[in-house]
Amino acid sequence: MSDTKDKDAKDDGKPSQIIATGRRKRAVARVRLKAGEGKVTINKKRTLETYFTRENDRTVLLIPLKMTSTMGKFDVFITLHGGGATGQAGAARLGISRALVKADQAHYTVLKAAGFLTRDAREVERKKPGQAGARRSFQFSKR
């Protein structure tokens, strides 16, 4: 797995940054948490508001921080690729939740009860040959 300690880790044993990965549908999110004032940066340069235009996606992404009362304590750096906006928001939520548990094990019970530490395994079913879609057949004609 990924190493959670950075090269410039402090002498008190705590890592200077925490790294975790989240996935949903085809989206993958690599999340880094650093001590800071609560900035969220996506793909190295974009803010949360410019990347996610829907309010629901922004809420989904930030809810683990709100539930654990760590909203202004960490700067969040997210690298997203694959999937669509909703899948990316869900992947980022899982990544942030996993990173928060690595930062403080006390957050585990709150996040687990909310279902934020469970990977949503639902994927799009593949299209079958000779059919219009995954399950939809072409229209039947008797004559």
N, C-alpha and C. Protein backbone atom coordinates (compact mmCIF):
# COMPACT_ATOMS: atom_id res chain seq x y z
N MET A 1 0.83 -1.20 0.00
CA MET A 1 0.00 0.00 0.00
C MET A 1 0.87 1.25 0.00
N SER A 2 0.24 2.40 0.12
CA SER A 2 0.98 3.65 0.12
C SER A 2 1.49 3.98 1.51
N ASP A 3 2.65 4.58 1.54
CA ASP A 3 3.25 4.96 2.81
C ASP A 3 2.63 6.26 3.28
N THR A 4 2.19 6.31 4.53
CA THR A 4 1.50 7.51 5.02
C THR A 4 2.46 8.56 5.54
N LYS A 5 3.70 8.20 5.76
CA LYS A 5 4.65 9.18 6.28
C LYS A 5 5.39 9.87 5.15
N ASP A 6 5.50 11.14 5.24
CA ASP A 6 6.23 11.94 4.28
C ASP A 6 7.69 11.99 4.71
N LYS A 7 8.59 12.34 3.78
CA LYS A 7 10.01 12.40 4.11
C LYS A 7 10.31 13.44 5.17
N ASP A 8 9.56 14.53 5.19
CA ASP A 8 9.79 15.57 6.17
C ASP A 8 8.82 15.44 7.36
N ALA A 9 8.61 14.20 7.82
CA ALA A 9 7.71 13.98 8.96
C ALA A 9 8.31 14.58 10.22
N LYS A 10 7.42 15.03 11.08
CA LYS A 10 7.85 15.65 12.33
C LYS A 10 8.41 14.59 13.28
N ASP A 11 9.16 15.03 14.28
CA ASP A 11 9.78 14.12 15.22
C ASP A 11 8.80 13.53 16.22
N ASP A 12 7.58 14.08 16.32
CA ASP A 12 6.63 13.59 17.31
C ASP A 12 5.93 12.30 16.86
N GLY A 13 6.33 11.73 15.74
CA GLY A 13 5.78 10.47 15.28
C GLY A 13 4.59 10.61 14.37
N LYS A 14 3.99 11.78 14.26
CA LYS A 14 2.84 11.98 13.39
C LYS A 14 3.31 12.32 11.98
N PRO A 15 2.67 11.76 10.95
CA PRO A 15 3.06 12.09 9.59
C PRO A 15 2.62 13.50 9.21
N SER A 16 3.37 14.13 8.31
CA SER A 16 3.01 15.49 7.90
C SER A 16 1.86 15.48 6.89
N GLN A 17 1.64 14.34 6.25
CA GLN A 17 0.49 14.21 5.36
C GLN A 17 -0.03 12.78 5.39
N ILE A 18 -1.31 12.64 5.14
CA ILE A 18 -1.95 11.33 5.13
C ILE A 18 -2.49 11.09 3.73
N ILE A 19 -2.22 9.91 3.20
CA ILE A 19 -2.60 9.58 1.82
C ILE A 19 -3.59 8.42 1.85
N ALA A 20 -4.66 8.54 1.04
CA ALA A 20 -5.65 7.46 0.93
C ALA A 20 -6.25 7.48 -0.48
N THR A 21 -6.86 6.37 -0.86
CA THR A 21 -7.47 6.24 -2.18
C THR A 21 -8.94 5.90 -2.04
N GLY A 22 -9.77 6.50 -2.90
CA GLY A 22 -11.19 6.17 -2.94
C GLY A 22 -11.62 5.89 -4.36
N ARG A 23 -12.58 4.98 -4.51
CA ARG A 23 -13.08 4.64 -5.84
C ARG A 23 -14.60 4.55 -5.80
N ARG A 24 -15.22 4.93 -6.93
CA ARG A 24 -16.65 4.72 -7.13
C ARG A 24 -16.92 4.69 -8.63
N LYS A 25 -17.69 3.70 -9.06
CA LYS A 25 -17.94 3.46 -10.49
C LYS A 25 -16.59 3.41 -11.22
N ARG A 26 -16.33 4.28 -12.16
CA ARG A 26 -15.06 4.29 -12.88
C ARG A 26 -14.12 5.37 -12.35
N ALA A 27 -14.53 6.10 -11.36
CA ALA A 27 -13.74 7.23 -10.84
C ALA A 27 -12.75 6.77 -9.77
N VAL A 28 -11.57 7.38 -9.78
CA VAL A 28 -10.53 7.11 -8.80
C VAL A 28 -10.08 8.44 -8.21
N ALA A 29 -9.99 8.50 -6.88
CA ALA A 29 -9.56 9.71 -6.20
C ALA A 29 -8.37 9.39 -5.30
N ARG A 30 -7.27 10.10 -5.48
CA ARG A 30 -6.14 10.01 -4.56
C ARG A 30 -6.19 11.24 -3.67
N VAL A 31 -6.28 11.03 -2.37
CA VAL A 31 -6.50 12.12 -1.42
C VAL A 31 -5.29 12.26 -0.51
N ARG A 32 -4.85 13.52 -0.31
CA ARG A 32 -3.79 13.84 0.65
C ARG A 32 -4.35 14.84 1.64
N LEU A 33 -4.18 14.57 2.93
CA LEU A 33 -4.57 15.51 3.98
C LEU A 33 -3.31 16.06 4.63
N LYS A 34 -3.25 17.38 4.73
CA LYS A 34 -2.16 18.05 5.43
C LYS A 34 -2.77 19.00 6.45
N ALA A 35 -2.08 19.21 7.54
CA ALA A 35 -2.57 20.18 8.53
C ALA A 35 -2.64 21.55 7.87
N GLY A 36 -3.75 22.25 8.07
CA GLY A 36 -3.94 23.54 7.42
C GLY A 36 -5.22 24.19 7.86
N GLU A 37 -5.74 25.08 6.99
CA GLU A 37 -6.93 25.84 7.36
C GLU A 37 -8.19 25.42 6.62
N GLY A 38 -8.18 24.30 5.91
CA GLY A 38 -9.41 23.79 5.32
C GLY A 38 -9.57 24.02 3.84
N LYS A 39 -8.51 24.33 3.11
CA LYS A 39 -8.61 24.52 1.66
C LYS A 39 -8.76 23.16 0.98
N VAL A 40 -9.57 23.13 -0.08
CA VAL A 40 -9.74 21.92 -0.89
C VAL A 40 -9.24 22.23 -2.29
N THR A 41 -8.23 21.50 -2.75
CA THR A 41 -7.64 21.69 -4.07
C THR A 41 -7.82 20.40 -4.86
N ILE A 42 -8.33 20.53 -6.07
CA ILE A 42 -8.59 19.37 -6.92
C ILE A 42 -7.73 19.46 -8.17
N ASN A 43 -7.05 18.37 -8.49
CA ASN A 43 -6.17 18.27 -9.66
C ASN A 43 -5.14 19.42 -9.71
N LYS A 44 -4.52 19.69 -8.60
CA LYS A 44 -3.40 20.62 -8.40
C LYS A 44 -3.73 22.10 -8.49
N LYS A 45 -4.83 22.50 -9.14
CA LYS A 45 -5.04 23.94 -9.32
C LYS A 45 -6.48 24.42 -9.16
N ARG A 46 -7.45 23.54 -9.19
CA ARG A 46 -8.85 23.99 -9.16
C ARG A 46 -9.43 23.91 -7.77
N THR A 47 -10.33 24.85 -7.49
CA THR A 47 -11.00 24.85 -6.20
C THR A 47 -12.23 23.94 -6.26
N LEU A 48 -12.80 23.69 -5.10
CA LEU A 48 -13.98 22.83 -5.03
C LEU A 48 -15.15 23.41 -5.82
N GLU A 49 -15.34 24.72 -5.71
CA GLU A 49 -16.48 25.37 -6.38
C GLU A 49 -16.35 25.38 -7.90
N THR A 50 -15.12 25.51 -8.41
CA THR A 50 -14.95 25.52 -9.87
C THR A 50 -14.98 24.12 -10.47
N TYR A 51 -14.59 23.11 -9.70
CA TYR A 51 -14.56 21.75 -10.23
C TYR A 51 -15.95 21.10 -10.20
N PHE A 52 -16.61 21.16 -9.03
CA PHE A 52 -17.95 20.59 -8.90
C PHE A 52 -18.97 21.71 -8.95
N THR A 53 -19.72 21.78 -10.04
CA THR A 53 -20.69 22.86 -10.22
C THR A 53 -21.99 22.56 -9.48
N ARG A 54 -22.31 21.28 -9.25
CA ARG A 54 -23.53 20.92 -8.52
C ARG A 54 -23.29 20.99 -7.02
N GLU A 55 -24.22 21.61 -6.33
CA GLU A 55 -24.12 21.75 -4.87
C GLU A 55 -24.12 20.38 -4.18
N ASN A 56 -24.87 19.44 -4.70
CA ASN A 56 -24.95 18.10 -4.10
C ASN A 56 -23.59 17.40 -4.10
N ASP A 57 -22.84 17.53 -5.18
CA ASP A 57 -21.51 16.90 -5.26
C ASP A 57 -20.56 17.51 -4.24
N ARG A 58 -20.63 18.82 -4.06
CA ARG A 58 -19.77 19.49 -3.06
C ARG A 58 -20.14 19.03 -1.64
N THR A 59 -21.44 18.88 -1.39
CA THR A 59 -21.89 18.44 -0.07
C THR A 59 -21.44 17.02 0.22
N VAL A 60 -21.56 16.13 -0.78
CA VAL A 60 -21.15 14.73 -0.63
C VAL A 60 -19.67 14.65 -0.30
N LEU A 61 -18.87 15.47 -0.94
CA LEU A 61 -17.42 15.43 -0.75
C LEU A 61 -17.02 15.93 0.64
N LEU A 62 -17.70 16.94 1.17
CA LEU A 62 -17.29 17.56 2.43
C LEU A 62 -17.93 16.95 3.67
N ILE A 63 -18.93 16.09 3.50
CA ILE A 63 -19.66 15.60 4.67
C ILE A 63 -18.80 14.80 5.66
N PRO A 64 -17.79 14.02 5.24
CA PRO A 64 -16.96 13.35 6.26
C PRO A 64 -16.21 14.34 7.16
N LEU A 65 -15.78 15.45 6.60
CA LEU A 65 -15.08 16.48 7.39
C LEU A 65 -16.04 17.13 8.38
N LYS A 66 -17.29 17.37 7.95
CA LYS A 66 -18.28 17.98 8.84
C LYS A 66 -18.68 17.04 9.97
N MET A 67 -18.86 15.76 9.66
CA MET A 67 -19.29 14.80 10.67
C MET A 67 -18.22 14.57 11.74
N THR A 68 -16.95 14.68 11.38
CA THR A 68 -15.87 14.45 12.33
C THR A 68 -15.34 15.74 12.94
N SER A 69 -15.97 16.87 12.63
CA SER A 69 -15.58 18.19 13.15
C SER A 69 -14.11 18.52 12.84
N THR A 70 -13.66 18.18 11.64
CA THR A 70 -12.30 18.48 11.22
C THR A 70 -12.30 19.42 10.02
N MET A 71 -13.34 20.23 9.88
CA MET A 71 -13.52 21.06 8.68
C MET A 71 -12.36 22.03 8.45
N GLY A 72 -11.91 22.75 9.44
CA GLY A 72 -10.86 23.73 9.24
C GLY A 72 -9.48 23.27 9.67
N LYS A 73 -9.32 21.97 9.93
CA LYS A 73 -8.06 21.47 10.47
C LYS A 73 -7.11 20.93 9.41
N PHE A 74 -7.65 20.53 8.25
CA PHE A 74 -6.83 19.91 7.21
C PHE A 74 -7.00 20.64 5.89
N ASP A 75 -5.90 20.75 5.14
CA ASP A 75 -5.97 21.10 3.73
C ASP A 75 -6.10 19.79 2.97
N VAL A 76 -7.03 19.74 2.02
CA VAL A 76 -7.32 18.52 1.28
C VAL A 76 -6.86 18.69 -0.17
N PHE A 77 -6.00 17.79 -0.62
CA PHE A 77 -5.52 17.79 -2.00
C PHE A 77 -6.02 16.51 -2.65
N ILE A 78 -6.82 16.66 -3.73
CA ILE A 78 -7.44 15.50 -4.37
C ILE A 78 -7.02 15.45 -5.83
N THR A 79 -6.62 14.26 -6.29
CA THR A 79 -6.37 14.02 -7.70
C THR A 79 -7.45 13.08 -8.19
N LEU A 80 -8.28 13.57 -9.12
CA LEU A 80 -9.42 12.81 -9.63
C LEU A 80 -9.22 12.47 -11.09
N HIS A 81 -9.61 11.27 -11.48
CA HIS A 81 -9.69 10.93 -12.90
C HIS A 81 -10.68 9.79 -13.10
N GLY A 82 -11.25 9.73 -14.29
CA GLY A 82 -12.21 8.70 -14.65
C GLY A 82 -13.61 9.02 -14.16
N GLY A 83 -14.59 8.43 -14.82
CA GLY A 83 -15.97 8.56 -14.38
C GLY A 83 -16.55 9.94 -14.62
N GLY A 84 -17.69 10.18 -14.00
CA GLY A 84 -18.37 11.46 -14.11
C GLY A 84 -18.30 12.21 -12.80
N ALA A 85 -18.99 13.32 -12.74
CA ALA A 85 -18.91 14.20 -11.57
C ALA A 85 -19.41 13.52 -10.29
N THR A 86 -20.54 12.83 -10.37
CA THR A 86 -21.09 12.21 -9.17
C THR A 86 -20.21 11.06 -8.68
N GLY A 87 -19.70 10.26 -9.61
CA GLY A 87 -18.79 9.18 -9.23
C GLY A 87 -17.51 9.71 -8.63
N GLN A 88 -17.00 10.81 -9.17
CA GLN A 88 -15.78 11.41 -8.63
C GLN A 88 -16.01 11.96 -7.23
N ALA A 89 -17.18 12.56 -7.00
CA ALA A 89 -17.49 13.07 -5.66
C ALA A 89 -17.59 11.92 -4.66
N GLY A 90 -18.20 10.82 -5.05
CA GLY A 90 -18.28 9.65 -4.18
C GLY A 90 -16.93 9.03 -3.90
N ALA A 91 -16.07 9.00 -4.92
CA ALA A 91 -14.71 8.47 -4.75
C ALA A 91 -13.91 9.36 -3.80
N ALA A 92 -14.06 10.67 -3.95
CA ALA A 92 -13.35 11.60 -3.07
C ALA A 92 -13.85 11.47 -1.63
N ARG A 93 -15.15 11.25 -1.45
CA ARG A 93 -15.70 11.06 -0.10
C ARG A 93 -15.09 9.84 0.58
N LEU A 94 -14.97 8.73 -0.16
CA LEU A 94 -14.37 7.53 0.40
C LEU A 94 -12.90 7.77 0.74
N GLY A 95 -12.18 8.46 -0.16
CA GLY A 95 -10.77 8.75 0.09
C GLY A 95 -10.56 9.63 1.30
N ILE A 96 -11.38 10.66 1.44
CA ILE A 96 -11.28 11.56 2.60
C ILE A 96 -11.61 10.79 3.88
N SER A 97 -12.63 9.95 3.84
CA SER A 97 -13.01 9.16 5.02
C SER A 97 -11.88 8.23 5.45
N ARG A 98 -11.27 7.56 4.49
CA ARG A 98 -10.15 6.66 4.82
C ARG A 98 -8.96 7.43 5.38
N ALA A 99 -8.69 8.60 4.82
CA ALA A 99 -7.58 9.41 5.32
C ALA A 99 -7.86 9.92 6.74
N LEU A 100 -9.10 10.29 7.03
CA LEU A 100 -9.45 10.75 8.38
C LEU A 100 -9.28 9.64 9.41
N VAL A 101 -9.61 8.41 9.02
CA VAL A 101 -9.43 7.27 9.93
C VAL A 101 -7.94 7.03 10.19
N LYS A 102 -7.12 7.20 9.14
CA LYS A 102 -5.67 7.07 9.33
C LYS A 102 -5.14 8.17 10.24
N ALA A 103 -5.72 9.35 10.13
CA ALA A 103 -5.27 10.48 10.96
C ALA A 103 -5.64 10.27 12.41
N ASP A 104 -6.86 9.78 12.67
CA ASP A 104 -7.32 9.57 14.04
C ASP A 104 -8.31 8.41 14.05
N GLN A 105 -7.95 7.34 14.73
CA GLN A 105 -8.76 6.13 14.76
C GLN A 105 -10.12 6.36 15.41
N ALA A 106 -10.28 7.43 16.19
CA ALA A 106 -11.55 7.72 16.84
C ALA A 106 -12.66 8.07 15.84
N HIS A 107 -12.28 8.50 14.64
CA HIS A 107 -13.26 8.84 13.61
C HIS A 107 -13.91 7.61 12.99
N TYR A 108 -13.35 6.43 13.23
CA TYR A 108 -13.81 5.21 12.57
C TYR A 108 -15.29 4.93 12.84
N THR A 109 -15.70 5.00 14.10
CA THR A 109 -17.07 4.62 14.44
C THR A 109 -18.10 5.56 13.80
N VAL A 110 -17.80 6.85 13.77
CA VAL A 110 -18.72 7.83 13.19
C VAL A 110 -18.85 7.60 11.68
N LEU A 111 -17.72 7.44 11.00
CA LEU A 111 -17.73 7.29 9.55
C LEU A 111 -18.28 5.93 9.12
N LYS A 112 -18.00 4.89 9.89
CA LYS A 112 -18.51 3.56 9.56
C LYS A 112 -20.03 3.51 9.72
N ALA A 113 -20.54 4.14 10.79
CA ALA A 113 -21.99 4.16 11.01
C ALA A 113 -22.71 4.91 9.90
N ALA A 114 -22.08 5.93 9.35
CA ALA A 114 -22.68 6.70 8.25
C ALA A 114 -22.54 5.98 6.91
N GLY A 115 -21.72 4.93 6.83
CA GLY A 115 -21.54 4.18 5.60
C GLY A 115 -20.50 4.77 4.66
N PHE A 116 -19.63 5.64 5.19
CA PHE A 116 -18.65 6.31 4.33
C PHE A 116 -17.37 5.52 4.13
N LEU A 117 -17.20 4.41 4.84
CA LEU A 117 -16.00 3.60 4.68
C LEU A 117 -16.26 2.36 3.83
N THR A 118 -17.46 2.25 3.27
CA THR A 118 -17.81 1.13 2.42
C THR A 118 -17.69 1.53 0.96
N ARG A 119 -16.99 0.72 0.19
CA ARG A 119 -16.82 0.98 -1.23
C ARG A 119 -18.09 0.56 -1.95
N ASP A 120 -18.71 1.48 -2.69
CA ASP A 120 -19.93 1.17 -3.44
C ASP A 120 -19.52 0.34 -4.66
N ALA A 121 -19.84 -0.94 -4.64
CA ALA A 121 -19.34 -1.88 -5.65
C ALA A 121 -20.16 -1.90 -6.94
N ARG A 122 -21.21 -1.10 -7.01
CA ARG A 122 -22.05 -1.13 -8.21
C ARG A 122 -21.31 -0.56 -9.41
N GLU A 123 -21.31 -1.33 -10.49
CA GLU A 123 -20.68 -0.91 -11.75
C GLU A 123 -21.71 -1.01 -12.86
N VAL A 124 -21.43 -0.35 -13.98
CA VAL A 124 -22.32 -0.41 -15.13
C VAL A 124 -22.18 -1.78 -15.79
N GLU A 125 -23.31 -2.43 -16.07
CA GLU A 125 -23.28 -3.73 -16.71
C GLU A 125 -22.91 -3.59 -18.17
N ARG A 126 -22.14 -4.54 -18.68
CA ARG A 126 -21.67 -4.44 -20.07
C ARG A 126 -22.80 -4.71 -21.05
N LYS A 127 -22.64 -4.17 -22.26
CA LYS A 127 -23.61 -4.41 -23.33
C LYS A 127 -23.34 -5.78 -23.93
N LYS A 128 -24.42 -6.55 -24.14
CA LYS A 128 -24.28 -7.89 -24.69
C LYS A 128 -24.43 -7.85 -26.21
N PRO A 129 -23.76 -8.76 -26.92
CA PRO A 129 -23.90 -8.80 -28.38
C PRO A 129 -25.32 -9.25 -28.78
N GLY A 130 -25.83 -8.65 -29.84
CA GLY A 130 -27.17 -8.99 -30.32
C GLY A 130 -28.28 -8.33 -29.53
N GLN A 131 -27.93 -7.38 -28.66
CA GLN A 131 -28.94 -6.66 -27.90
C GLN A 131 -28.69 -5.16 -28.01
N ALA A 132 -29.74 -4.40 -27.68
CA ALA A 132 -29.65 -2.94 -27.78
C ALA A 132 -28.83 -2.36 -26.64
N GLY A 133 -28.86 -3.01 -25.48
CA GLY A 133 -28.12 -2.53 -24.31
C GLY A 133 -27.68 -3.71 -23.48
N ALA A 134 -27.51 -3.48 -22.18
CA ALA A 134 -27.10 -4.57 -21.32
C ALA A 134 -28.20 -5.62 -21.19
N ARG A 135 -29.44 -5.16 -21.09
CA ARG A 135 -30.57 -6.09 -20.97
C ARG A 135 -31.66 -5.85 -22.01
N ARG A 136 -31.71 -4.68 -22.55
CA ARG A 136 -32.74 -4.32 -23.53
C ARG A 136 -32.46 -5.02 -24.85
N SER A 137 -33.48 -5.68 -25.38
CA SER A 137 -33.37 -6.33 -26.68
C SER A 137 -33.88 -5.39 -27.76
N PHE A 138 -33.57 -5.73 -28.99
CA PHE A 138 -34.13 -4.97 -30.10
C PHE A 138 -35.62 -5.27 -30.20
N GLN A 139 -36.39 -4.37 -30.82
CA GLN A 139 -37.83 -4.54 -30.90
C GLN A 139 -38.17 -5.77 -31.71
N PHE A 140 -39.11 -6.56 -31.17
CA PHE A 140 -39.49 -7.80 -31.82
C PHE A 140 -40.58 -7.51 -32.86
N SER A 141 -40.40 -8.10 -34.04
CA SER A 141 -41.40 -7.98 -35.09
C SER A 141 -41.83 -9.39 -35.51
N LYS A 142 -43.12 -9.64 -35.44
CA LYS A 142 -43.62 -10.97 -35.77
C LYS A 142 -43.54 -11.24 -37.29
N ARG A 143 -43.82 -10.21 -38.07
CA ARG A 143 -43.79 -10.35 -39.53
C ARG A 143 -42.89 -9.33 -40.15
